[in-house]
């Protein structure tokens, strides 16, 4: 329960192409930084590209900053934040070089 004089955190809906420029990735990191400090709450995360690699990268960043419990208020603990993705047009199966390194690492899911 919040104190009566404290405002609820700002709700953030983030949508981006997450393509070839670093500014979108840095903004995503900034948004989750605010979420971690409880200055804001990420309630929605989506990519406007029809690309599973881009959606996977968004999920990777969400789990890095929020842990397995980053849920955006959806479901119980350890459900993860759902990642929205556009499905308009043909699927883009490319893997942008900026994302390729992060997505190529194979690590165990548990410690």
Protein backbone atom coordinates (compact mmCIF):
# COMPACT_ATOMS: atom_id res chain seq x y z
CA UNK A 1 0.00 0.00 0.00
CA UNK A 2 1.33 3.41 -0.94
CA UNK A 3 1.60 6.37 1.35
CA UNK A 4 -1.25 8.85 0.73
CA UNK A 5 1.13 11.63 -0.32
CA UNK A 6 3.07 9.50 -2.80
CA UNK A 7 2.11 9.47 -6.47
CA UNK A 8 1.95 6.15 -8.33
CA UNK A 9 4.86 5.59 -10.75
CA UNK A 10 4.51 6.77 -14.33
CA UNK A 11 3.34 3.97 -16.65
CA UNK A 12 5.51 3.49 -19.77
CA UNK A 13 4.38 1.93 -23.04
CA UNK A 14 7.49 1.36 -25.20
CA UNK A 15 7.32 0.58 -28.92
CA UNK A 16 10.32 0.77 -31.25
CA UNK A 17 11.77 -0.82 -34.36
CA UNK A 18 15.04 -1.67 -32.56
CA UNK A 19 16.89 -1.69 -35.86
CA UNK A 20 20.29 -0.31 -36.83
CA UNK A 21 20.72 2.57 -34.38
CA UNK A 22 21.96 2.39 -30.81
CA UNK A 23 19.67 5.15 -29.54
CA UNK A 24 16.66 2.83 -29.43
CA UNK A 25 18.55 0.24 -27.38
CA UNK A 26 19.86 2.92 -24.99
CA UNK A 27 16.33 4.27 -24.56
CA UNK A 28 15.10 0.77 -23.74
CA UNK A 29 17.86 0.48 -21.11
CA UNK A 30 16.91 3.90 -19.70
CA UNK A 31 13.25 2.90 -19.44
CA UNK A 32 14.14 -0.24 -17.49
CA UNK A 33 16.51 1.81 -15.32
CA UNK A 34 13.56 3.98 -14.28
CA UNK A 35 11.53 0.82 -13.70
CA UNK A 36 14.24 -0.64 -11.45
CA UNK A 37 14.32 2.56 -9.36
CA UNK A 38 10.50 2.48 -9.20
CA UNK A 39 10.28 5.92 -10.77
CA UNK A 40 8.24 4.38 -13.60
CA UNK A 41 6.66 1.05 -14.50
CA UNK A 42 6.99 -0.61 -17.89
CA UNK A 43 3.50 -1.88 -18.67
CA UNK A 44 3.96 -2.66 -22.36
CA UNK A 45 6.91 -3.48 -24.59
CA UNK A 46 6.59 -4.02 -28.33
CA UNK A 47 8.51 -3.88 -31.57
CA UNK A 48 7.10 -2.45 -34.76
CA UNK A 49 9.13 -4.87 -36.91
CA UNK A 50 7.87 -8.31 -37.90
CA UNK A 51 11.09 -9.93 -36.74
CA UNK A 52 11.43 -12.61 -34.04
CA UNK A 53 15.07 -11.70 -33.42
CA UNK A 54 14.08 -8.15 -32.50
CA UNK A 55 11.35 -9.45 -30.18
CA UNK A 56 13.84 -11.87 -28.61
CA UNK A 57 16.26 -9.01 -28.00
CA UNK A 58 13.52 -6.98 -26.28
CA UNK A 59 12.80 -10.00 -24.07
CA UNK A 60 16.52 -10.36 -23.30
CA UNK A 61 16.79 -6.72 -22.21
CA UNK A 62 13.60 -6.95 -20.14
CA UNK A 63 14.90 -10.04 -18.33
CA UNK A 64 18.37 -8.49 -17.84
CA UNK A 65 17.00 -5.41 -16.12
CA UNK A 66 13.93 -6.89 -14.47
CA UNK A 67 15.02 -10.44 -13.85
CA UNK A 68 12.71 -13.36 -14.45
CA UNK A 69 10.05 -11.54 -12.46
CA UNK A 70 9.68 -8.60 -14.86
CA UNK A 71 6.02 -9.04 -15.51
CA UNK A 72 4.56 -5.60 -16.03
CA UNK A 73 1.69 -6.67 -13.79
CA UNK A 74 0.78 -9.65 -16.01
CA UNK A 75 0.31 -13.02 -14.38
CA UNK A 76 2.14 -14.27 -11.33
CA UNK A 77 5.85 -14.07 -10.59
CA UNK A 78 8.32 -15.47 -13.12
CA UNK A 79 6.02 -14.97 -16.10
CA UNK A 80 8.03 -12.28 -17.88
CA UNK A 81 6.76 -9.20 -19.68
CA UNK A 82 4.87 -10.09 -22.88
CA UNK A 83 6.57 -8.65 -25.97
CA UNK A 84 4.28 -7.35 -28.69
CA UNK A 85 5.32 -7.60 -32.34
CA UNK A 86 3.85 -6.30 -35.56
CA UNK A 87 2.71 -9.00 -38.01
CA UNK A 88 2.05 -6.76 -41.00
CA UNK A 89 3.74 -7.81 -44.24
CA UNK A 90 6.34 -10.52 -44.75
CA UNK A 91 8.41 -11.68 -41.80
CA UNK A 92 11.88 -10.17 -41.70
CA UNK A 93 14.27 -12.97 -40.74
CA UNK A 94 17.38 -10.77 -40.66
CA UNK A 95 19.44 -10.44 -37.52
CA UNK A 96 20.77 -6.88 -37.25
CA UNK A 97 24.49 -6.89 -36.40
CA UNK A 98 23.85 -4.80 -33.32
CA UNK A 99 21.61 -7.56 -31.91
CA UNK A 100 23.46 -10.58 -33.30
CA UNK A 101 26.16 -10.66 -30.61
CA UNK A 102 23.68 -10.54 -27.75
CA UNK A 103 21.38 -13.14 -29.26
CA UNK A 104 24.18 -15.55 -30.20
CA UNK A 105 25.32 -16.13 -26.61
CA UNK A 106 24.06 -19.43 -25.24
CA UNK A 107 23.85 -19.34 -21.48
CA UNK A 108 22.07 -21.66 -19.07
CA UNK A 109 18.67 -20.37 -17.94
CA UNK A 110 19.35 -21.14 -14.29
CA UNK A 111 22.31 -20.68 -11.98
